[in-house]
Amino acid sequence: MDNNFNMNQYSFDSSYAKSQLTLNRYIARTYAWMFLGLMVTFLTAWALAATGVVFYLFAIPSITIILLVIEVAVVLIFSSRIHKQSVGVSRVLFVVYSLLNGVVFSVYFVLFDVANLIAIFGLTALFFGAFALYGRFTKTDLSRLRPLLFGGLIFLVVAAVLSLFINMTAMERLICMVGIVVFLCFTAYDNQKIKANYQYFYHDAAMLQKASIYSALQLYLDFINLFLYLLRFMGRSRN
């Protein structure tokens, strides 16, 4: 998803962008939203698996496709209406998306040992943190990576579609390695864009808040996708 917003004027009616809001505090608030999303997702997934509700949910015909369509719709509404919707609506959409992802993730608590999930979550956090710091402090313009990153995304999408029709087991490890590299690079790239948004929308309070939540969604997606590819690459499913 793209963070390149068009210039628009909004009323300066919030304390969110007052002069005392430094870049570090803005980044901290963005990450607070990202962590909230991750917490909602994993608590929802754990609760559905622990109570056994996951088995009833996924007994519904085509539930996976239904959830996928709803998730894509939420993200499209979020991104396409970022200028028009209120800050409150942006926050609600972010939380709704996190809940939907929690429903999907409940399956992993059935397929994998919890200890294995926790270990890979920790590894994901370690890798994510290292590349987030790089994106935060590097002087290199990471926007030059954009064509390569979107090329990597296209490769992953095509591989996912092909796997529905042909056996891609022989390429599984290659696909996972590409996915890991792509989302590590996206992590650095999206962190650098947080700084750009802060400078661009500093005097536009409402837009600054929405840009923060939008960035949190992108970081959330980076983390989730990195976790999933590491899980596919290193995870040990239950017997």
Protein backbone atom coordinates (compact mmCIF):
# COMPACT_ATOMS: atom_id res chain seq x y z
CA MET A 1 0.00 0.00 0.00
CA ASP A 2 1.10 3.50 -0.69
CA ASN A 3 1.67 6.29 1.81
CA ASN A 4 1.96 9.04 -0.79
CA PHE A 5 -0.98 11.28 0.09
CA ASN A 6 -2.09 14.27 -1.95
CA MET A 7 -1.90 17.74 -0.47
CA ASN A 8 -5.23 18.62 1.16
CA GLN A 9 -6.23 21.20 3.75
CA TYR A 10 -7.92 20.17 7.00
CA SER A 11 -8.82 22.19 10.05
CA PHE A 12 -6.12 22.35 12.69
CA ASP A 13 -8.36 21.21 15.54
CA SER A 14 -6.29 18.72 17.51
CA SER A 15 -3.41 18.75 19.96
CA TYR A 16 -1.90 15.84 18.06
CA ALA A 17 0.36 18.08 16.00
CA LYS A 18 1.22 20.79 18.47
CA SER A 19 4.81 21.93 18.55
CA GLN A 20 5.69 19.72 21.51
CA LEU A 21 4.91 16.58 19.49
CA THR A 22 8.41 15.59 18.46
CA LEU A 23 9.22 13.08 15.75
CA ASN A 24 10.10 10.48 18.39
CA ARG A 25 6.72 10.92 20.11
CA TYR A 26 4.92 10.71 16.79
CA ILE A 27 6.74 7.47 15.98
CA ALA A 28 5.94 6.15 19.46
CA ARG A 29 2.23 6.83 18.95
CA THR A 30 2.33 5.12 15.56
CA TYR A 31 3.96 2.05 17.10
CA ALA A 32 1.45 2.09 19.95
CA TRP A 33 -1.31 1.60 17.37
CA MET A 34 0.66 -1.14 15.65
CA PHE A 35 1.19 -2.98 18.96
CA LEU A 36 -2.50 -2.59 19.78
CA GLY A 37 -3.37 -4.22 16.46
CA LEU A 38 -0.99 -7.11 17.08
CA MET A 39 -2.37 -7.61 20.59
CA VAL A 40 -5.97 -7.64 19.33
CA THR A 41 -5.04 -10.15 16.62
CA PHE A 42 -3.16 -12.61 18.80
CA LEU A 43 -5.54 -12.40 21.77
CA THR A 44 -8.50 -13.00 19.44
CA ALA A 45 -6.72 -15.94 17.81
CA TRP A 46 -5.76 -17.48 21.16
CA ALA A 47 -9.27 -17.04 22.60
CA LEU A 48 -10.97 -18.67 19.58
CA ALA A 49 -8.54 -21.60 19.65
CA ALA A 50 -8.66 -22.06 23.43
CA THR A 51 -12.46 -22.12 23.51
CA GLY A 52 -12.77 -24.35 20.44
CA VAL A 53 -14.83 -21.76 18.58
CA VAL A 54 -12.32 -21.94 15.74
CA PHE A 55 -13.61 -25.41 14.80
CA TYR A 56 -17.18 -24.16 14.46
CA LEU A 57 -16.14 -21.07 12.50
CA PHE A 58 -14.08 -22.94 9.95
CA ALA A 59 -16.78 -25.57 9.53
CA ILE A 60 -18.76 -22.85 7.72
CA PRO A 61 -18.48 -23.38 3.94
CA SER A 62 -16.17 -20.88 2.18
CA ILE A 63 -15.41 -19.08 5.45
CA THR A 64 -11.79 -18.53 4.38
CA ILE A 65 -12.84 -16.78 1.17
CA ILE A 66 -15.44 -14.74 3.05
CA LEU A 67 -12.86 -13.54 5.59
CA LEU A 68 -10.37 -12.74 2.83
CA VAL A 69 -12.90 -10.66 0.90
CA ILE A 70 -13.90 -8.72 4.04
CA GLU A 71 -10.28 -8.07 4.97
CA VAL A 72 -9.44 -6.78 1.50
CA ALA A 73 -12.57 -4.59 1.54
CA VAL A 74 -11.60 -3.05 4.90
CA VAL A 75 -8.08 -2.22 3.68
CA LEU A 76 -9.39 -0.75 0.41
CA ILE A 77 -11.92 1.42 2.25
CA PHE A 78 -9.24 2.53 4.70
CA SER A 79 -6.72 3.51 2.03
CA SER A 80 -9.09 4.96 -0.59
CA ARG A 81 -11.02 7.16 1.86
CA ILE A 82 -8.10 8.25 4.04
CA HIS A 83 -8.68 11.94 3.14
CA LYS A 84 -12.45 11.87 3.62
CA GLN A 85 -13.07 9.66 6.64
CA SER A 86 -12.71 10.90 10.20
CA VAL A 87 -9.90 9.95 12.55
CA GLY A 88 -12.39 7.86 14.55
CA VAL A 89 -13.44 5.86 11.50
CA SER A 90 -9.77 5.21 10.65
CA ARG A 91 -9.19 3.85 14.14
CA VAL A 92 -12.28 1.63 14.00
CA LEU A 93 -11.28 0.19 10.62
CA PHE A 94 -7.81 -0.59 11.94
CA VAL A 95 -9.20 -2.44 14.96
CA VAL A 96 -11.78 -4.28 12.81
CA TYR A 97 -9.03 -5.45 10.49
CA SER A 98 -6.99 -6.66 13.48
CA LEU A 99 -10.00 -8.62 14.77
CA LEU A 100 -10.61 -10.24 11.38
CA ASN A 101 -6.97 -11.24 11.19
CA GLY A 102 -7.32 -12.72 14.67
CA VAL A 103 -10.08 -14.99 13.38
CA VAL A 104 -7.83 -16.18 10.56
CA PHE A 105 -4.84 -16.63 12.88
CA SER A 106 -6.83 -18.83 15.25
CA VAL A 107 -6.14 -21.69 12.83
CA TYR A 108 -2.40 -21.42 13.53
CA PHE A 109 -3.00 -22.06 17.23
CA VAL A 110 -4.51 -25.39 16.17
CA LEU A 111 -1.91 -26.30 13.56
CA PHE A 112 1.21 -25.34 15.54
CA ASP A 113 2.44 -25.73 19.10
CA VAL A 114 2.06 -22.53 21.11
CA ALA A 115 5.73 -22.69 22.15
CA ASN A 116 6.73 -22.80 18.48
CA LEU A 117 4.49 -19.82 17.68
CA ILE A 118 5.96 -17.82 20.57
CA ALA A 119 9.54 -18.61 19.48
CA ILE A 120 8.88 -17.52 15.90
CA PHE A 121 7.01 -14.44 17.13
CA GLY A 122 10.10 -13.50 19.13
CA LEU A 123 12.35 -14.05 16.10
CA THR A 124 10.00 -11.92 14.00
CA ALA A 125 10.17 -9.13 16.58
CA LEU A 126 13.98 -9.30 16.56
CA PHE A 127 14.28 -9.07 12.77
CA PHE A 128 11.51 -6.47 12.55
CA GLY A 129 13.14 -4.31 15.22
CA ALA A 130 16.55 -4.38 13.54
CA PHE A 131 15.18 -3.28 10.15
CA ALA A 132 12.84 -0.73 11.76
CA LEU A 133 15.84 0.91 13.43
CA TYR A 134 17.71 0.91 10.15
CA GLY A 135 14.79 2.59 8.40
CA ARG A 136 14.52 5.13 11.22
CA PHE A 137 18.14 6.24 11.28
CA THR A 138 19.61 5.54 7.83
CA LYS A 139 20.48 8.49 5.62
CA THR A 140 19.99 6.36 2.49
CA ASP A 141 16.89 7.12 0.43
CA LEU A 142 15.01 3.81 0.59
CA SER A 143 12.41 4.95 -1.94
CA ARG A 144 14.81 3.61 -4.58
CA LEU A 145 13.87 0.12 -3.38
CA ARG A 146 10.24 0.64 -4.26
CA PRO A 147 10.29 -1.02 -7.74
CA LEU A 148 12.11 -4.06 -6.34
CA LEU A 149 9.73 -4.32 -3.38
CA PHE A 150 6.62 -4.24 -5.52
CA GLY A 151 8.23 -6.68 -7.93
CA GLY A 152 8.77 -9.00 -4.97
CA LEU A 153 5.12 -8.59 -3.95
CA ILE A 154 3.96 -9.51 -7.45
CA PHE A 155 6.15 -12.63 -7.32
CA LEU A 156 4.61 -13.65 -3.99
CA VAL A 157 1.05 -13.05 -5.20
CA VAL A 158 1.63 -15.03 -8.40
CA ALA A 159 3.20 -17.87 -6.40
CA ALA A 160 0.21 -17.91 -4.04
CA VAL A 161 -2.25 -18.08 -6.94
CA LEU A 162 -0.30 -20.81 -8.73
CA SER A 163 -0.16 -22.88 -5.52
CA LEU A 164 -3.95 -23.17 -5.73
CA PHE A 165 -3.67 -25.10 -8.99
CA ILE A 166 -0.26 -26.81 -8.99
CA ASN A 167 2.06 -28.35 -6.42
CA MET A 168 4.61 -25.68 -5.42
CA THR A 169 6.26 -27.71 -2.65
CA ALA A 170 9.59 -27.79 -4.48
CA MET A 171 9.69 -23.98 -4.44
CA GLU A 172 8.33 -23.53 -0.92
CA ARG A 173 11.63 -22.59 0.72
CA LEU A 174 12.54 -20.18 -2.10
CA ILE A 175 9.13 -18.50 -1.85
CA CYS A 176 9.50 -18.16 1.92
CA MET A 177 12.99 -16.68 1.60
CA VAL A 178 11.75 -14.12 -0.94
CA GLY A 179 8.83 -13.27 1.36
CA ILE A 180 11.12 -12.79 4.36
CA VAL A 181 13.50 -10.51 2.42
CA VAL A 182 10.66 -8.49 0.86
CA PHE A 183 8.91 -7.76 4.16
CA LEU A 184 12.13 -7.01 6.01
CA CYS A 185 12.89 -4.41 3.35
CA PHE A 186 9.31 -3.11 3.52
CA THR A 187 9.80 -2.69 7.27
CA ALA A 188 12.77 -0.37 6.75
CA TYR A 189 11.02 1.41 3.87
CA ASP A 190 7.77 2.03 5.79
CA ASN A 191 9.66 3.26 8.85
CA GLN A 192 11.45 5.84 6.74
CA LYS A 193 8.10 7.01 5.35
CA ILE A 194 6.86 7.71 8.89
CA LYS A 195 9.43 10.50 9.09
CA ALA A 196 8.31 11.86 5.71
CA ASN A 197 4.65 11.88 6.81
CA TYR A 198 5.52 13.68 10.03
CA GLN A 199 7.31 16.45 8.14
CA TYR A 200 4.64 16.67 5.44
CA PHE A 201 1.55 16.78 7.69
CA TYR A 202 3.01 18.46 10.77
CA HIS A 203 0.70 21.47 10.45
CA ASP A 204 -2.37 19.39 9.52
CA ALA A 205 -3.57 17.86 12.77
CA ALA A 206 -6.32 15.58 11.46
CA MET A 207 -4.28 14.29 8.56
CA LEU A 208 -1.28 13.69 10.82
CA GLN A 209 -3.40 11.46 13.04
CA LYS A 210 -4.77 9.50 10.09
CA ALA A 211 -1.29 9.19 8.56
CA SER A 212 -0.09 7.77 11.88
CA ILE A 213 -2.82 5.10 11.92
CA TYR A 214 -2.21 4.34 8.24
CA SER A 215 1.51 3.89 8.93
CA ALA A 216 0.62 1.66 11.88
CA LEU A 217 -1.45 -0.51 9.53
CA GLN A 218 1.47 -0.81 7.12
CA LEU A 219 3.88 -1.76 9.92
CA TYR A 220 1.30 -4.22 11.24
CA LEU A 221 1.07 -5.85 7.80
CA ASP A 222 4.87 -5.96 7.52
CA PHE A 223 5.11 -7.72 10.89
CA ILE A 224 2.27 -10.15 10.19
CA ASN A 225 3.57 -11.16 6.77
CA LEU A 226 7.13 -11.53 8.06
CA PHE A 227 5.79 -13.75 10.86
CA LEU A 228 3.84 -15.91 8.41
CA TYR A 229 6.80 -16.48 6.08
CA LEU A 230 9.09 -17.29 9.01
CA LEU A 231 6.43 -19.68 10.29
CA ARG A 232 6.24 -21.42 6.91
CA PHE A 233 10.03 -21.56 6.72
CA MET A 234 10.77 -22.72 10.30
CA GLY A 235 7.49 -23.78 11.89
CA ARG A 236 6.84 -27.31 13.12
CA SER A 237 3.21 -28.31 12.75
CA ARG A 238 1.50 -30.64 15.18
CA ASN A 239 1.42 -34.34 14.33
